[in-house]
């Protein structure tokens, strides 16, 4: 009886040990499988992260490339604008030259026929032929009236605009240059006095001996205290021309400058 008890106890012990070993082996295999699966998951995650990193880098490169393309496009747009501005300016210059050529042709034809045209300060057209002078009124006179009205209203910026818009249409009517100078001198535009004086000098050079222009030029140069410019105007004005002025005060004023 004692032997059987011992044998049973041994069998139970062996069974327990075998059961433990089996459980351990099973748990070990499960653990190994779990570790293997975790490792595979980690590799998958690493691959995903690596791919994401590549995608991020590619997106960054694309963004930088887009910025460069955008910058290049802006440069091209600016270059196109500059080119268009140059083309427009060139076309304006061509139109002005064509007008000058046409006017020169007209002048040549008139000289051949003994005809001489002159646009007065106030925009009247004097036509001289065979010792006779005819005076007519055209668009210049209407434009002059508009400029005078704007001057009375002190709308000098509008005067500048009108003069700029019409100077190529009437290149030999120097009143437009004169009134642009007046407009510049009467606006708040800084550093425009030199430009205004340049315009007035241009009028002086192109209207030598014209008493109407001389009166206006001397008046404005007197206000600006430009004595040398007054002398240049008066070089081509004779006393006999001054004597034709009806306004006594103005006549005496010019005679003083002539002395």
Protein backbone atom coordinates (compact mmCIF):
# COMPACT_ATOMS: atom_id res chain seq x y z
CA UNK A 1 0.00 0.00 0.00
CA UNK A 2 2.86 2.29 0.83
CA UNK A 3 4.55 1.51 -2.47
CA UNK A 4 1.44 2.37 -4.46
CA UNK A 5 1.15 5.68 -2.69
CA UNK A 6 4.68 6.57 -3.52
CA UNK A 7 4.18 5.52 -7.11
CA UNK A 8 1.04 7.68 -7.41
CA UNK A 9 2.82 10.60 -5.90
CA UNK A 10 5.68 10.20 -8.38
CA UNK A 11 3.27 9.98 -11.30
CA UNK A 12 1.46 13.11 -10.13
CA UNK A 13 4.77 14.92 -9.76
CA UNK A 14 5.96 13.82 -13.19
CA UNK A 15 2.63 14.80 -14.71
CA UNK A 16 2.82 18.17 -13.07
CA UNK A 17 6.36 18.69 -14.34
CA UNK A 18 5.41 17.59 -17.85
CA UNK A 19 2.36 19.85 -17.76
CA UNK A 20 4.53 22.77 -16.64
CA UNK A 21 7.09 22.04 -19.34
CA UNK A 22 4.34 21.83 -21.97
CA UNK A 23 2.81 25.06 -20.78
CA UNK A 24 6.22 26.75 -20.79
CA UNK A 25 6.99 25.51 -24.27
CA UNK A 26 3.57 26.66 -25.48
CA UNK A 27 3.95 30.08 -23.82
CA UNK A 28 7.46 30.38 -25.27
CA UNK A 29 6.18 29.69 -28.77
CA UNK A 30 3.37 32.20 -28.30
CA UNK A 31 5.81 34.78 -27.00
CA UNK A 32 8.16 34.17 -29.93
CA UNK A 33 5.25 34.47 -32.34
CA UNK A 34 4.12 37.69 -30.63
CA UNK A 35 7.65 39.14 -30.73
CA UNK A 36 7.94 38.16 -34.39
CA UNK A 37 4.62 39.80 -35.19
CA UNK A 38 5.58 42.92 -33.22
CA UNK A 39 8.87 43.03 -35.11
CA UNK A 40 7.03 42.75 -38.41
CA UNK A 41 4.64 45.49 -37.32
CA UNK A 42 7.57 47.71 -36.35
CA UNK A 43 9.20 47.15 -39.74
CA UNK A 44 5.91 47.96 -41.43
CA UNK A 45 5.61 51.15 -39.36
CA UNK A 46 9.22 52.05 -40.17
CA UNK A 47 8.53 51.53 -43.87
CA UNK A 48 5.40 53.68 -43.61
CA UNK A 49 7.35 56.40 -41.77
CA UNK A 50 10.12 56.21 -44.36
CA UNK A 51 7.62 56.52 -47.20
CA UNK A 52 5.91 59.40 -45.42
CA UNK A 53 9.26 61.11 -44.99
CA UNK A 54 9.96 60.70 -48.70
CA UNK A 55 6.52 62.09 -49.53
CA UNK A 56 7.12 65.07 -47.23
CA UNK A 57 10.48 65.74 -48.90
CA UNK A 58 8.90 65.44 -52.33
CA UNK A 59 6.11 67.84 -51.34
CA UNK A 60 8.69 70.28 -49.99
CA UNK A 61 10.60 70.09 -53.25
CA UNK A 62 7.38 70.61 -55.19
CA UNK A 63 6.50 73.65 -53.06
CA UNK A 64 9.97 75.12 -53.55
CA UNK A 65 9.73 74.40 -57.25
CA UNK A 66 6.31 76.09 -57.35
CA UNK A 67 7.76 79.14 -55.64
CA UNK A 68 10.58 79.29 -58.18
CA UNK A 69 8.10 78.90 -61.03
CA UNK A 70 5.91 81.61 -59.52
CA UNK A 71 8.89 83.92 -59.13
CA UNK A 72 9.92 83.23 -62.72
CA UNK A 73 6.37 83.92 -63.91
CA UNK A 74 6.31 87.21 -62.03
CA UNK A 75 9.59 88.21 -63.65
CA UNK A 76 8.21 87.30 -67.07
CA UNK A 77 5.03 89.28 -66.39
CA UNK A 78 7.05 92.33 -65.34
CA UNK A 79 9.26 91.97 -68.41
CA UNK A 80 6.16 91.76 -70.62
CA UNK A 81 4.74 94.89 -69.00
CA UNK A 82 7.98 96.75 -69.58
CA UNK A 83 8.07 95.54 -73.18
CA UNK A 84 4.47 96.65 -73.77
CA UNK A 85 5.26 100.05 -72.27
CA UNK A 86 8.26 100.40 -74.58
CA UNK A 87 6.21 99.32 -77.59
CA UNK A 88 3.47 101.84 -76.73
CA UNK A 89 6.04 104.58 -76.28
CA UNK A 90 7.68 103.62 -79.57
CA UNK A 91 4.31 103.72 -81.33
CA UNK A 92 3.61 107.15 -79.86
CA UNK A 93 6.99 108.37 -81.07
CA UNK A 94 6.30 106.98 -84.53
CA UNK A 95 2.92 108.72 -84.62
CA UNK A 96 4.52 111.98 -83.53
CA UNK A 97 7.22 111.63 -86.19
CA UNK A 98 4.63 110.88 -88.84
CA UNK A 99 2.73 114.02 -87.85
CA UNK A 100 5.92 116.06 -88.05
CA UNK A 101 6.73 114.60 -91.47
CA UNK A 102 3.25 115.36 -92.71
CA UNK A 103 3.45 118.92 -91.37
CA UNK A 104 6.82 119.41 -93.04
CA UNK A 105 5.34 118.20 -96.31
CA UNK A 106 2.45 120.62 -95.89
CA UNK A 107 4.87 123.44 -95.15
CA UNK A 108 6.95 122.67 -98.23
CA UNK A 109 3.81 122.66 -100.38
CA UNK A 110 2.69 125.97 -98.88
CA UNK A 111 6.10 127.58 -99.35
CA UNK A 112 6.05 126.52 -102.99
CA UNK A 113 2.71 128.27 -103.31
CA UNK A 114 3.87 131.27 -101.28
CA UNK A 115 1.67 130.39 -98.30
CA UNK A 116 2.81 130.80 -94.67
CA UNK A 117 0.84 129.58 -91.66
CA UNK A 118 1.29 130.60 -88.05
CA UNK A 119 -0.59 129.58 -84.91
CA UNK A 120 -0.91 132.51 -82.53
CA UNK A 121 -0.54 132.26 -78.76
CA UNK A 122 -4.33 132.11 -78.31
CA UNK A 123 -4.78 129.42 -80.96
CA UNK A 124 -5.83 131.47 -83.99
CA UNK A 125 -4.43 130.44 -87.37
CA UNK A 126 -2.85 133.23 -89.45
CA UNK A 127 -2.40 132.44 -93.12
CA UNK A 128 -0.23 134.79 -95.14
CA UNK A 129 -0.20 134.76 -98.94
CA UNK A 130 0.74 137.44 -101.39
CA UNK A 131 1.04 140.15 -98.71
CA UNK A 132 -2.38 139.36 -97.28
CA UNK A 133 -3.08 137.81 -93.89
CA UNK A 134 -6.19 135.82 -93.14
CA UNK A 135 -7.15 134.75 -89.62
CA UNK A 136 -9.23 131.65 -88.96
CA UNK A 137 -10.34 129.80 -85.87
CA UNK A 138 -9.82 126.06 -85.46
CA UNK A 139 -9.53 123.41 -82.77
CA UNK A 140 -6.55 125.18 -81.19
CA UNK A 141 -8.62 128.23 -80.32
CA UNK A 142 -11.32 126.06 -78.70
CA UNK A 143 -8.64 124.23 -76.74
CA UNK A 144 -7.09 127.52 -75.66
CA UNK A 145 -10.46 128.68 -74.30
CA UNK A 146 -10.74 125.46 -72.28
CA UNK A 147 -7.24 125.94 -70.85
CA UNK A 148 -7.97 129.54 -69.84
CA UNK A 149 -11.18 128.44 -68.12
CA UNK A 150 -9.30 125.72 -66.20
CA UNK A 151 -6.64 128.25 -65.26
CA UNK A 152 -9.27 130.57 -63.83
CA UNK A 153 -10.61 127.62 -61.82
CA UNK A 154 -7.03 126.78 -60.73
CA UNK A 155 -7.33 123.23 -62.07
CA UNK A 156 -3.67 123.01 -62.96
CA UNK A 157 -3.39 119.23 -62.96
CA UNK A 158 -6.08 119.09 -65.63
CA UNK A 159 -4.18 121.73 -67.62
CA UNK A 160 -1.04 119.56 -67.51
CA UNK A 161 -3.07 116.56 -68.68
CA UNK A 162 -4.64 118.46 -71.60
CA UNK A 163 -1.27 119.83 -72.72
CA UNK A 164 0.34 116.37 -72.63
CA UNK A 165 -2.55 114.83 -74.56
CA UNK A 166 -2.43 117.43 -77.36
CA UNK A 167 1.24 118.40 -77.75
CA UNK A 168 1.86 115.68 -80.35
CA UNK A 169 -1.28 116.70 -82.24
CA UNK A 170 -0.20 120.37 -82.37
CA UNK A 171 3.62 120.20 -82.21
CA UNK A 172 4.08 123.75 -83.51
CA UNK A 173 1.64 125.36 -81.10
CA UNK A 174 3.99 126.29 -78.27
CA UNK A 175 1.21 127.57 -76.03
CA UNK A 176 0.71 124.00 -74.84
CA UNK A 177 4.30 123.89 -73.58
CA UNK A 178 3.83 127.28 -71.97
CA UNK A 179 0.71 126.28 -70.06
CA UNK A 180 2.14 122.94 -68.99
CA UNK A 181 4.95 124.94 -67.39
CA UNK A 182 2.38 127.17 -65.69
CA UNK A 183 0.56 124.06 -64.46
CA UNK A 184 3.76 122.59 -63.01
CA UNK A 185 4.63 125.83 -61.25
CA UNK A 186 1.20 125.98 -59.63
CA UNK A 187 0.90 122.43 -58.32
CA UNK A 188 2.24 120.69 -55.24
CA UNK A 189 4.50 118.49 -57.36
CA UNK A 190 8.00 118.72 -55.88
CA UNK A 191 11.13 119.51 -57.87
CA UNK A 192 9.21 120.56 -60.99
CA UNK A 193 10.52 124.10 -61.31
CA UNK A 194 13.47 122.98 -63.45
CA UNK A 195 11.15 121.09 -65.78
CA UNK A 196 8.87 124.12 -66.03
CA UNK A 197 11.79 126.43 -66.83
CA UNK A 198 12.96 123.96 -69.46
CA UNK A 199 9.55 124.12 -71.13
CA UNK A 200 9.57 127.92 -71.03
CA UNK A 201 13.08 127.97 -72.55
CA UNK A 202 11.78 125.71 -75.31
CA UNK A 203 8.98 128.21 -76.02
CA UNK A 204 11.49 131.07 -76.00
CA UNK A 205 13.72 129.37 -78.58
CA UNK A 206 10.85 128.53 -80.92
CA UNK A 207 8.95 131.86 -80.75
CA UNK A 208 11.76 134.35 -81.29
CA UNK A 209 10.41 137.70 -82.42
CA UNK A 210 6.77 136.85 -81.60
CA UNK A 211 5.46 139.72 -79.50
CA UNK A 212 2.47 137.77 -78.15
CA UNK A 213 4.64 135.00 -76.75
CA UNK A 214 7.20 137.57 -75.58
CA UNK A 215 4.61 139.31 -73.42
CA UNK A 216 3.57 136.06 -71.72
CA UNK A 217 7.15 134.86 -71.24
CA UNK A 218 8.38 138.15 -69.79
CA UNK A 219 5.42 138.21 -67.41
CA UNK A 220 6.12 134.76 -65.98
CA UNK A 221 9.91 135.25 -65.93
CA UNK A 222 9.40 138.52 -64.02
CA UNK A 223 7.40 136.68 -61.36
CA UNK A 224 10.16 134.05 -61.14
CA UNK A 225 12.87 136.76 -61.09
CA UNK A 226 14.64 135.19 -64.07
CA UNK A 227 16.39 138.28 -65.44
CA UNK A 228 18.68 136.44 -67.85
CA UNK A 229 15.74 134.62 -69.40
CA UNK A 230 13.91 137.92 -69.84
CA UNK A 231 16.92 139.29 -71.71
CA UNK A 232 16.94 136.28 -74.05
CA UNK A 233 13.27 136.88 -74.88
CA UNK A 234 13.83 140.61 -75.49
CA UNK A 235 16.83 140.03 -77.79
CA UNK A 236 14.47 139.40 -80.69
CA UNK A 237 11.84 142.00 -79.83
CA UNK A 238 12.31 145.45 -81.37
CA UNK A 239 11.10 148.75 -79.94
CA UNK A 240 8.82 149.18 -82.91
CA UNK A 241 7.12 145.89 -82.06
CA UNK A 242 6.67 147.02 -78.46
CA UNK A 243 5.15 150.31 -79.62
CA UNK A 244 2.28 148.37 -81.22
CA UNK A 245 1.08 147.20 -77.79
CA UNK A 246 -2.09 149.08 -76.82
CA UNK A 247 -1.76 148.50 -73.06
CA UNK A 248 0.33 151.47 -71.92
CA UNK A 249 1.56 149.92 -68.67
CA UNK A 250 2.61 146.73 -70.42
CA UNK A 251 4.24 148.70 -73.21
CA UNK A 252 6.28 150.76 -70.75
CA UNK A 253 7.25 147.64 -68.82
CA UNK A 254 8.64 145.96 -71.94
CA UNK A 255 10.42 149.14 -73.01
CA UNK A 256 12.25 149.18 -69.67
CA UNK A 257 13.46 145.65 -70.27
CA UNK A 258 14.58 146.69 -73.75
CA UNK A 259 16.73 149.56 -72.45
